């Protein structure tokens, strides 16, 4: 489990496996981390993991999307009968 987390951290932070091994604070070898990457970290596995993570994050927020505000369109941002520039001038 620790090897999988270290390999994912090295790849996800763009440090790479060699840089993670160079810290030497964990006792894992470069060969072991490369073996974990080769056998367990695939494009399909990463897609499944990211999908599960995103769904769990949305579930934790009660289904709300990030931002939580009301989306405005360009036409909603204009003054009645005016142009977007008129709205910007009047808001100053």
PDB file of N, CA and C in Angstrom:
ATOM      1  N   UNK A   1       0.825  -1.183   0.000  1.00  0.00           N
ATOM      2  CA  UNK A   1       0.000   0.000   0.000  1.00  0.00           C
ATOM      3  C   UNK A   1       0.876   1.256   0.000  1.00  0.00           C
ATOM      4  N   UNK A   2       1.908   1.272   0.805  1.00  0.00           N
ATOM      5  CA  UNK A   2       2.789   2.438   0.876  1.00  0.00           C
ATOM      6  C   UNK A   2       3.480   2.660  -0.466  1.00  0.00           C
ATOM      7  N   UNK A   3       3.885   1.584  -1.124  1.00  0.00           N
ATOM      8  CA  UNK A   3       4.526   1.709  -2.426  1.00  0.00           C
ATOM      9  C   UNK A   3       3.593   2.301  -3.468  1.00  0.00           C
ATOM     10  N   UNK A   4       2.323   1.912  -3.429  1.00  0.00           N
ATOM     11  CA  UNK A   4       1.341   2.459  -4.360  1.00  0.00           C
ATOM     12  C   UNK A   4       1.154   3.959  -4.119  1.00  0.00           C
ATOM     13  N   UNK A   5       1.034   4.345  -2.858  1.00  0.00           N
ATOM     14  CA  UNK A   5       0.881   5.767  -2.545  1.00  0.00           C
ATOM     15  C   UNK A   5       2.116   6.568  -2.950  1.00  0.00           C
ATOM     16  N   UNK A   6       3.288   6.027  -2.714  1.00  0.00           N
ATOM     17  CA  UNK A   6       4.509   6.740  -3.101  1.00  0.00           C
ATOM     18  C   UNK A   6       4.611   6.886  -4.616  1.00  0.00           C
ATOM     19  N   UNK A   7       4.275   5.828  -5.344  1.00  0.00           N
ATOM     20  CA  UNK A   7       4.333   5.887  -6.808  1.00  0.00           C
ATOM     21  C   UNK A   7       3.311   6.891  -7.339  1.00  0.00           C
ATOM     22  N   UNK A   8       2.099   6.877  -6.796  1.00  0.00           N
ATOM     23  CA  UNK A   8       1.084   7.836  -7.226  1.00  0.00           C
ATOM     24  C   UNK A   8       1.496   9.269  -6.899  1.00  0.00           C
ATOM     25  N   UNK A   9       2.085   9.465  -5.725  1.00  0.00           N
ATOM     26  CA  UNK A   9       2.552  10.803  -5.347  1.00  0.00           C
ATOM     27  C   UNK A   9       3.645  11.277  -6.297  1.00  0.00           C
ATOM     28  N   UNK A  10       4.584  10.419  -6.606  1.00  0.00           N
ATOM     29  CA  UNK A  10       5.668  10.785  -7.511  1.00  0.00           C
ATOM     30  C   UNK A  10       5.175  11.141  -8.898  1.00  0.00           C
ATOM     31  N   UNK A  11       4.204  10.384  -9.388  1.00  0.00           N
ATOM     32  CA  UNK A  11       3.669  10.658 -10.722  1.00  0.00           C
ATOM     33  C   UNK A  11       2.723  11.853 -10.713  1.00  0.00           C
ATOM     34  N   UNK A  12       1.899  11.958  -9.679  1.00  0.00           N
ATOM     35  CA  UNK A  12       0.915  13.032  -9.614  1.00  0.00           C
ATOM     36  C   UNK A  12       1.519  14.396  -9.392  1.00  0.00           C
ATOM     37  N   UNK A  13       2.625  14.473  -8.691  1.00  0.00           N
ATOM     38  CA  UNK A  13       3.272  15.760  -8.449  1.00  0.00           C
ATOM     39  C   UNK A  13       4.318  16.081  -9.509  1.00  0.00           C
ATOM     40  N   UNK A  14       4.494  15.171 -10.444  1.00  0.00           N
ATOM     41  CA  UNK A  14       5.465  15.320 -11.529  1.00  0.00           C
ATOM     42  C   UNK A  14       6.909  15.307 -11.022  1.00  0.00           C
ATOM     43  N   UNK A  15       7.119  14.795  -9.818  1.00  0.00           N
ATOM     44  CA  UNK A  15       8.478  14.622  -9.323  1.00  0.00           C
ATOM     45  C   UNK A  15       9.142  13.428  -9.979  1.00  0.00           C
ATOM     46  N   UNK A  16       8.379  12.370 -10.107  1.00  0.00           N
ATOM     47  CA  UNK A  16       8.902  11.141 -10.661  1.00  0.00           C
ATOM     48  C   UNK A  16       9.317  10.183  -9.565  1.00  0.00           C
ATOM     49  N   UNK A  17       9.413   8.934  -9.938  1.00  0.00           N
ATOM     50  CA  UNK A  17       9.736   7.880  -8.979  1.00  0.00           C
ATOM     51  C   UNK A  17      11.163   8.035  -8.459  1.00  0.00           C
ATOM     52  N   UNK A  18      12.087   8.409  -9.332  1.00  0.00           N
ATOM     53  CA  UNK A  18      13.489   8.533  -8.910  1.00  0.00           C
ATOM     54  C   UNK A  18      13.646   9.588  -7.807  1.00  0.00           C
ATOM     55  N   UNK A  19      12.937  10.705  -7.929  1.00  0.00           N
ATOM     56  CA  UNK A  19      13.033  11.757  -6.914  1.00  0.00           C
ATOM     57  C   UNK A  19      12.418  11.313  -5.594  1.00  0.00           C
ATOM     58  N   UNK A  20      11.357  10.526  -5.656  1.00  0.00           N
ATOM     59  CA  UNK A  20      10.740  10.020  -4.431  1.00  0.00           C
ATOM     60  C   UNK A  20      11.694   9.068  -3.721  1.00  0.00           C
ATOM     61  N   UNK A  21      12.357   8.228  -4.488  1.00  0.00           N
ATOM     62  CA  UNK A  21      13.314   7.284  -3.903  1.00  0.00           C
ATOM     63  C   UNK A  21      14.501   8.029  -3.310  1.00  0.00           C
ATOM     64  N   UNK A  22      14.891   9.143  -3.922  1.00  0.00           N
ATOM     65  CA  UNK A  22      16.057   9.894  -3.457  1.00  0.00           C
ATOM     66  C   UNK A  22      15.850  10.470  -2.057  1.00  0.00           C
ATOM     67  N   UNK A  23      14.603  10.680  -1.646  1.00  0.00           N
ATOM     68  CA  UNK A  23      14.384  11.188  -0.293  1.00  0.00           C
ATOM     69  C   UNK A  23      14.814  10.160   0.736  1.00  0.00           C
ATOM     70  N   UNK A  24      14.614   8.873   0.443  1.00  0.00           N
ATOM     71  CA  UNK A  24      15.102   7.801   1.300  1.00  0.00           C
ATOM     72  C   UNK A  24      14.449   7.683   2.658  1.00  0.00           C
ATOM     73  N   UNK A  25      13.356   8.387   2.908  1.00  0.00           N
ATOM     74  CA  UNK A  25      12.717   8.365   4.219  1.00  0.00           C
ATOM     75  C   UNK A  25      11.697   7.244   4.375  1.00  0.00           C
ATOM     76  N   UNK A  26      11.574   6.374   3.395  1.00  0.00           N
ATOM     77  CA  UNK A  26      10.496   5.384   3.402  1.00  0.00           C
ATOM     78  C   UNK A  26      10.977   3.956   3.262  1.00  0.00           C
ATOM     79  N   UNK A  27      12.169   3.754   2.796  1.00  0.00           N
ATOM     80  CA  UNK A  27      12.716   2.414   2.691  1.00  0.00           C
ATOM     81  C   UNK A  27      12.294   1.635   1.463  1.00  0.00           C
ATOM     82  N   UNK A  28      11.658   2.272   0.499  1.00  0.00           N
ATOM     83  CA  UNK A  28      11.256   1.600  -0.741  1.00  0.00           C
ATOM     84  C   UNK A  28      12.330   1.807  -1.800  1.00  0.00           C
ATOM     85  N   UNK A  29      12.561   0.784  -2.596  1.00  0.00           N
ATOM     86  CA  UNK A  29      13.555   0.901  -3.662  1.00  0.00           C
ATOM     87  C   UNK A  29      12.897   1.400  -4.944  1.00  0.00           C
ATOM     88  N   UNK A  30      13.724   1.910  -5.832  1.00  0.00           N
ATOM     89  CA  UNK A  30      13.212   2.384  -7.118  1.00  0.00           C
ATOM     90  C   UNK A  30      12.603   1.234  -7.909  1.00  0.00           C
ATOM     91  N   UNK A  31      13.246   0.074  -7.861  1.00  0.00           N
ATOM     92  CA  UNK A  31      12.728  -1.091  -8.580  1.00  0.00           C
ATOM     93  C   UNK A  31      11.343  -1.489  -8.060  1.00  0.00           C
ATOM     94  N   UNK A  32      11.145  -1.407  -6.750  1.00  0.00           N
ATOM     95  CA  UNK A  32       9.850  -1.776  -6.170  1.00  0.00           C
ATOM     96  C   UNK A  32       8.765  -0.801  -6.612  1.00  0.00           C
ATOM     97  N   UNK A  33       9.074   0.489  -6.611  1.00  0.00           N
ATOM     98  CA  UNK A  33       8.086   1.479  -7.030  1.00  0.00           C
ATOM     99  C   UNK A  33       7.781   1.383  -8.521  1.00  0.00           C
ATOM    100  N   UNK A  34       8.791   1.089  -9.315  1.00  0.00           N
ATOM    101  CA  UNK A  34       8.549   0.908 -10.758  1.00  0.00           C
ATOM    102  C   UNK A  34       7.710  -0.343 -11.014  1.00  0.00           C
ATOM    103  N   UNK A  35       7.907  -1.371 -10.223  1.00  0.00           N
ATOM    104  CA  UNK A  35       7.102  -2.595 -10.349  1.00  0.00           C
ATOM    105  C   UNK A  35       5.638  -2.300  -9.992  1.00  0.00           C
ATOM    106  N   UNK A  36       5.415  -1.514  -8.939  1.00  0.00           N
ATOM    107  CA  UNK A  36       4.058  -1.113  -8.561  1.00  0.00           C
ATOM    108  C   UNK A  36       3.419  -0.314  -9.687  1.00  0.00           C
ATOM    109  N   UNK A  37       4.166   0.610 -10.250  1.00  0.00           N
ATOM    110  CA  UNK A  37       3.632   1.423 -11.349  1.00  0.00           C
ATOM    111  C   UNK A  37       3.270   0.558 -12.548  1.00  0.00           C
ATOM    112  N   UNK A  38       4.137  -0.359 -12.891  1.00  0.00           N
ATOM    113  CA  UNK A  38       3.924  -1.210 -14.057  1.00  0.00           C
ATOM    114  C   UNK A  38       2.709  -2.115 -13.894  1.00  0.00           C
ATOM    115  N   UNK A  39       2.487  -2.619 -12.673  1.00  0.00           N
ATOM    116  CA  UNK A  39       1.419  -3.597 -12.467  1.00  0.00           C
ATOM    117  C   UNK A  39       0.074  -2.989 -12.061  1.00  0.00           C
ATOM    118  N   UNK A  40       0.076  -1.852 -11.396  1.00  0.00           N
ATOM    119  CA  UNK A  40      -1.169  -1.341 -10.824  1.00  0.00           C
ATOM    120  C   UNK A  40      -1.623   0.013 -11.361  1.00  0.00           C
ATOM    121  N   UNK A  41      -0.706   0.828 -11.840  1.00  0.00           N
ATOM    122  CA  UNK A  41      -1.077   2.172 -12.277  1.00  0.00           C
ATOM    123  C   UNK A  41      -1.211   2.171 -13.799  1.00  0.00           C
ATOM    124  N   UNK A  42      -2.471   2.062 -14.234  1.00  0.00           N
ATOM    125  CA  UNK A  42      -2.766   2.084 -15.666  1.00  0.00           C
ATOM    126  C   UNK A  42      -3.719   3.240 -15.941  1.00  0.00           C
ATOM    127  N   UNK A  43      -3.866   3.594 -17.188  1.00  0.00           N
ATOM    128  CA  UNK A  43      -4.768   4.676 -17.567  1.00  0.00           C
ATOM    129  C   UNK A  43      -6.195   4.344 -17.127  1.00  0.00           C
ATOM    130  N   UNK A  44      -6.621   3.117 -17.365  1.00  0.00           N
ATOM    131  CA  UNK A  44      -7.979   2.723 -16.986  1.00  0.00           C
ATOM    132  C   UNK A  44      -8.182   2.783 -15.473  1.00  0.00           C
ATOM    133  N   UNK A  45      -7.205   2.307 -14.708  1.00  0.00           N
ATOM    134  CA  UNK A  45      -7.319   2.361 -13.247  1.00  0.00           C
ATOM    135  C   UNK A  45      -7.361   3.799 -12.739  1.00  0.00           C
ATOM    136  N   UNK A  46      -6.569   4.687 -13.345  1.00  0.00           N
ATOM    137  CA  UNK A  46      -6.583   6.091 -12.942  1.00  0.00           C
ATOM    138  C   UNK A  46      -7.911   6.750 -13.274  1.00  0.00           C
ATOM    139  N   UNK A  47      -8.492   6.423 -14.432  1.00  0.00           N
ATOM    140  CA  UNK A  47      -9.803   6.981 -14.791  1.00  0.00           C
ATOM    141  C   UNK A  47     -10.868   6.556 -13.790  1.00  0.00           C
ATOM    142  N   UNK A  48     -10.867   5.282 -13.422  1.00  0.00           N
ATOM    143  CA  UNK A  48     -11.841   4.776 -12.449  1.00  0.00           C
ATOM    144  C   UNK A  48     -11.640   5.467 -11.104  1.00  0.00           C
ATOM    145  N   UNK A  49     -10.393   5.613 -10.678  1.00  0.00           N
ATOM    146  CA  UNK A  49     -10.109   6.236  -9.386  1.00  0.00           C
ATOM    147  C   UNK A  49     -10.543   7.699  -9.361  1.00  0.00           C
ATOM    148  N   UNK A  50     -10.262   8.438 -10.422  1.00  0.00           N
ATOM    149  CA  UNK A  50     -10.645   9.847 -10.473  1.00  0.00           C
ATOM    150  C   UNK A  50     -12.166   9.982 -10.502  1.00  0.00           C
ATOM    151  N   UNK A  51     -12.845   9.118 -11.238  1.00  0.00           N
ATOM    152  CA  UNK A  51     -14.306   9.145 -11.286  1.00  0.00           C
ATOM    153  C   UNK A  51     -14.895   8.907  -9.905  1.00  0.00           C
ATOM    154  N   UNK A  52     -14.385   7.915  -9.190  1.00  0.00           N
ATOM    155  CA  UNK A  52     -14.870   7.635  -7.833  1.00  0.00           C
ATOM    156  C   UNK A  52     -14.591   8.804  -6.902  1.00  0.00           C
ATOM    157  N   UNK A  53     -13.435   9.417  -7.031  1.00  0.00           N
ATOM    158  CA  UNK A  53     -13.074  10.553  -6.190  1.00  0.00           C
ATOM    159  C   UNK A  53     -13.997  11.741  -6.428  1.00  0.00           C
ATOM    160  N   UNK A  54     -14.282  12.038  -7.690  1.00  0.00           N
ATOM    161  CA  UNK A  54     -15.156  13.165  -8.024  1.00  0.00           C
ATOM    162  C   UNK A  54     -16.576  12.910  -7.527  1.00  0.00           C
ATOM    163  N   UNK A  55     -17.080  11.689  -7.729  1.00  0.00           N
ATOM    164  CA  UNK A  55     -18.423  11.362  -7.253  1.00  0.00           C
ATOM    165  C   UNK A  55     -18.505  11.447  -5.732  1.00  0.00           C
ATOM    166  N   UNK A  56     -17.480  11.010  -5.045  1.00  0.00           N
ATOM    167  CA  UNK A  56     -17.468  11.089  -3.582  1.00  0.00           C
ATOM    168  C   UNK A  56     -17.421  12.544  -3.111  1.00  0.00           C
ATOM    169  N   UNK A  57     -16.671  13.386  -3.823  1.00  0.00           N
ATOM    170  CA  UNK A  57     -16.597  14.803  -3.459  1.00  0.00           C
ATOM    171  C   UNK A  57     -17.956  15.474  -3.640  1.00  0.00           C
ATOM    172  N   UNK A  58     -18.642  15.168  -4.747  1.00  0.00           N
ATOM    173  CA  UNK A  58     -19.968  15.740  -4.963  1.00  0.00           C
ATOM    174  C   UNK A  58     -20.960  15.228  -3.930  1.00  0.00           C
ATOM    175  N   UNK A  59     -20.875  13.968  -3.565  1.00  0.00           N
ATOM    176  CA  UNK A  59     -21.777  13.405  -2.562  1.00  0.00           C
ATOM    177  C   UNK A  59     -21.542  14.071  -1.206  1.00  0.00           C
ATOM    178  N   UNK A  60     -20.295  14.358  -0.883  1.00  0.00           N
ATOM    179  CA  UNK A  60     -19.980  15.008   0.387  1.00  0.00           C
ATOM    180  C   UNK A  60     -20.522  16.435   0.427  1.00  0.00           C
ATOM    181  N   UNK A  61     -20.641  17.084  -0.718  1.00  0.00           N
ATOM    182  CA  UNK A  61     -21.176  18.446  -0.788  1.00  0.00           C
ATOM    183  C   UNK A  61     -22.691  18.447  -0.914  1.00  0.00           C
ATOM    184  N   UNK A  62     -23.298  17.300  -0.893  1.00  0.00           N
ATOM    185  CA  UNK A  62     -24.747  17.232  -1.041  1.00  0.00           C
ATOM    186  C   UNK A  62     -25.196  17.406  -2.482  1.00  0.00           C
ATOM    187  N   UNK A  63     -24.339  17.057  -3.416  1.00  0.00           N
ATOM    188  CA  UNK A  63     -24.677  17.152  -4.831  1.00  0.00           C
ATOM    189  C   UNK A  63     -24.418  18.502  -5.454  1.00  0.00           C
ATOM    190  N   UNK A  64     -23.981  19.478  -4.676  1.00  0.00           N
ATOM    191  CA  UNK A  64     -23.703  20.804  -5.231  1.00  0.00           C
ATOM    192  C   UNK A  64     -22.386  20.797  -5.993  1.00  0.00           C
ATOM    193  N   UNK A  65     -22.352  21.552  -7.044  1.00  0.00           N
ATOM    194  CA  UNK A  65     -21.128  21.675  -7.837  1.00  0.00           C
ATOM    195  C   UNK A  65     -20.242  22.778  -7.246  1.00  0.00           C
ATOM    196  N   UNK A  66     -18.945  22.756  -7.550  1.00  0.00           N
ATOM    197  CA  UNK A  66     -18.061  23.810  -7.047  1.00  0.00           C
ATOM    198  C   UNK A  66     -18.525  25.181  -7.529  1.00  0.00           C
ATOM    199  N   UNK A  67     -18.312  26.183  -6.734  1.00  0.00           N
ATOM    200  CA  UNK A  67     -18.715  27.533  -7.086  1.00  0.00           C
ATOM    201  C   UNK A  67     -19.993  27.921  -6.371  1.00  0.00           C
ATOM    202  N   UNK A  68     -20.996  27.099  -6.492  1.00  0.00           N
ATOM    203  CA  UNK A  68     -22.244  27.296  -5.789  1.00  0.00           C
ATOM    204  C   UNK A  68     -23.013  28.554  -6.134  1.00  0.00           C
ATOM    205  N   UNK A  69     -22.483  29.399  -6.991  1.00  0.00           N
ATOM    206  CA  UNK A  69     -23.168  30.628  -7.345  1.00  0.00           C
ATOM    207  C   UNK A  69     -24.104  30.425  -8.518  1.00  0.00           C
ATOM    208  N   UNK A  70     -24.763  31.492  -8.893  1.00  0.00           N
ATOM    209  CA  UNK A  70     -25.667  31.459 -10.027  1.00  0.00           C
ATOM    210  C   UNK A  70     -24.870  31.831 -11.264  1.00  0.00           C
ATOM    211  N   UNK A  71     -24.976  31.009 -12.286  1.00  0.00           N
ATOM    212  CA  UNK A  71     -24.272  31.299 -13.533  1.00  0.00           C
ATOM    213  C   UNK A  71     -25.002  32.410 -14.268  1.00  0.00           C
ATOM    214  N   UNK A  72     -24.255  33.351 -14.817  1.00  0.00           N
ATOM    215  CA  UNK A  72     -24.858  34.448 -15.566  1.00  0.00           C
ATOM    216  C   UNK A  72     -24.407  34.352 -17.008  1.00  0.00           C
ATOM    217  N   UNK A  73     -25.307  34.642 -17.897  1.00  0.00           N
ATOM    218  CA  UNK A  73     -24.957  34.668 -19.308  1.00  0.00           C
ATOM    219  C   UNK A  73     -24.646  36.107 -19.700  1.00  0.00           C
ATOM    220  N   UNK A  74     -24.140  36.292 -20.895  1.00  0.00           N
ATOM    221  CA  UNK A  74     -23.796  37.630 -21.368  1.00  0.00           C
ATOM    222  C   UNK A  74     -25.042  38.496 -21.424  1.00  0.00           C
ATOM    223  N   UNK A  75     -26.160  37.945 -21.862  1.00  0.00           N
ATOM    224  CA  UNK A  75     -27.371  38.756 -21.985  1.00  0.00           C
ATOM    225  C   UNK A  75     -27.901  39.158 -20.614  1.00  0.00           C
ATOM    226  N   UNK A  76     -27.678  38.364 -19.580  1.00  0.00           N
ATOM    227  CA  UNK A  76     -28.125  38.733 -18.250  1.00  0.00           C
ATOM    228  C   UNK A  76     -27.265  39.847 -17.665  1.00  0.00           C
ATOM    229  N   UNK A  77     -26.057  39.998 -18.178  1.00  0.00           N
ATOM    230  CA  UNK A  77     -25.158  41.006 -17.643  1.00  0.00           C
ATOM    231  C   UNK A  77     -25.353  42.383 -18.241  1.00  0.00           C
ATOM    232  N   UNK A  78     -26.230  42.519 -19.213  1.00  0.00           N
ATOM    233  CA  UNK A  78     -26.420  43.836 -19.836  1.00  0.00           C
ATOM    234  C   UNK A  78     -27.567  44.565 -19.183  1.00  0.00           C
ATOM    235  N   UNK A  79     -27.507  45.873 -19.252  1.00  0.00           N
ATOM    236  CA  UNK A  79     -28.611  46.697 -18.744  1.00  0.00           C
ATOM    237  C   UNK A  79     -29.775  46.585 -19.715  1.00  0.00           C
ATOM    238  N   UNK A  80     -30.993  46.792 -19.252  1.00  0.00           N
ATOM    239  CA  UNK A  80     -32.146  46.721 -20.158  1.00  0.00           C
ATOM    240  C   UNK A  80     -31.982  47.709 -21.301  1.00  0.00           C
ATOM    241  N   UNK A  81     -31.948  47.178 -22.504  1.00  0.00           N
ATOM    242  CA  UNK A  81     -31.810  48.016 -23.688  1.00  0.00           C
ATOM    243  C   UNK A  81     -30.414  48.572 -23.871  1.00  0.00           C
ATOM    244  N   UNK A  82     -29.472  48.145 -23.061  1.00  0.00           N
ATOM    245  CA  UNK A  82     -28.126  48.692 -23.147  1.00  0.00           C
ATOM    246  C   UNK A  82     -27.124  47.674 -23.647  1.00  0.00           C
ATOM    247  N   UNK A  83     -25.884  48.042 -23.596  1.00  0.00           N
ATOM    248  CA  UNK A  83     -24.812  47.162 -24.037  1.00  0.00           C
ATOM    249  C   UNK A  83     -24.000  46.725 -22.818  1.00  0.00           C
ATOM    250  N   UNK A  84     -23.177  45.689 -22.960  1.00  0.00           N
ATOM    251  CA  UNK A  84     -22.328  45.284 -21.830  1.00  0.00           C
ATOM    252  C   UNK A  84     -21.416  46.406 -21.359  1.00  0.00           C
ATOM    253  N   UNK A  85     -20.992  47.300 -22.277  1.00  0.00           N
ATOM    254  CA  UNK A  85     -20.126  48.406 -21.887  1.00  0.00           C
ATOM    255  C   UNK A  85     -20.887  49.370 -20.980  1.00  0.00           C
ATOM    256  N   UNK A  86     -22.167  49.601 -21.254  1.00  0.00           N
ATOM    257  CA  UNK A  86     -22.972  50.492 -20.422  1.00  0.00           C
ATOM    258  C   UNK A  86     -23.096  49.919 -19.021  1.00  0.00           C
ATOM    259  N   UNK A  87     -23.231  48.595 -18.910  1.00  0.00           N
ATOM    260  CA  UNK A  87     -23.335  47.958 -17.600  1.00  0.00           C
ATOM    261  C   UNK A  87     -22.033  48.131 -16.839  1.00  0.00           C
ATOM    262  N   UNK A  88     -20.922  47.958 -17.521  1.00  0.00           N
ATOM    263  CA  UNK A  88     -19.624  48.089 -16.862  1.00  0.00           C
ATOM    264  C   UNK A  88     -19.404  49.518 -16.395  1.00  0.00           C
ATOM    265  N   UNK A  89     -19.805  50.510 -17.205  1.00  0.00           N
ATOM    266  CA  UNK A  89     -19.630  51.903 -16.821  1.00  0.00           C
ATOM    267  C   UNK A  89     -20.505  52.255 -15.628  1.00  0.00           C
ATOM    268  N   UNK A  90     -21.724  51.721 -15.599  1.00  0.00           N
ATOM    269  CA  UNK A  90     -22.628  52.081 -14.510  1.00  0.00           C
ATOM    270  C   UNK A  90     -22.260  51.398 -13.198  1.00  0.00           C
ATOM    271  N   UNK A  91     -21.476  50.334 -13.245  1.00  0.00           N
ATOM    272  CA  UNK A  91     -21.130  49.622 -12.013  1.00  0.00           C
ATOM    273  C   UNK A  91     -19.897  50.201 -11.346  1.00  0.00           C
ATOM    274  N   UNK A  92     -19.259  51.175 -11.945  1.00  0.00           N
ATOM    275  CA  UNK A  92     -18.041  51.759 -11.361  1.00  0.00           C
ATOM    276  C   UNK A  92     -18.349  52.786 -10.328  1.00  0.00           C
TER     277      UNK A  92
END
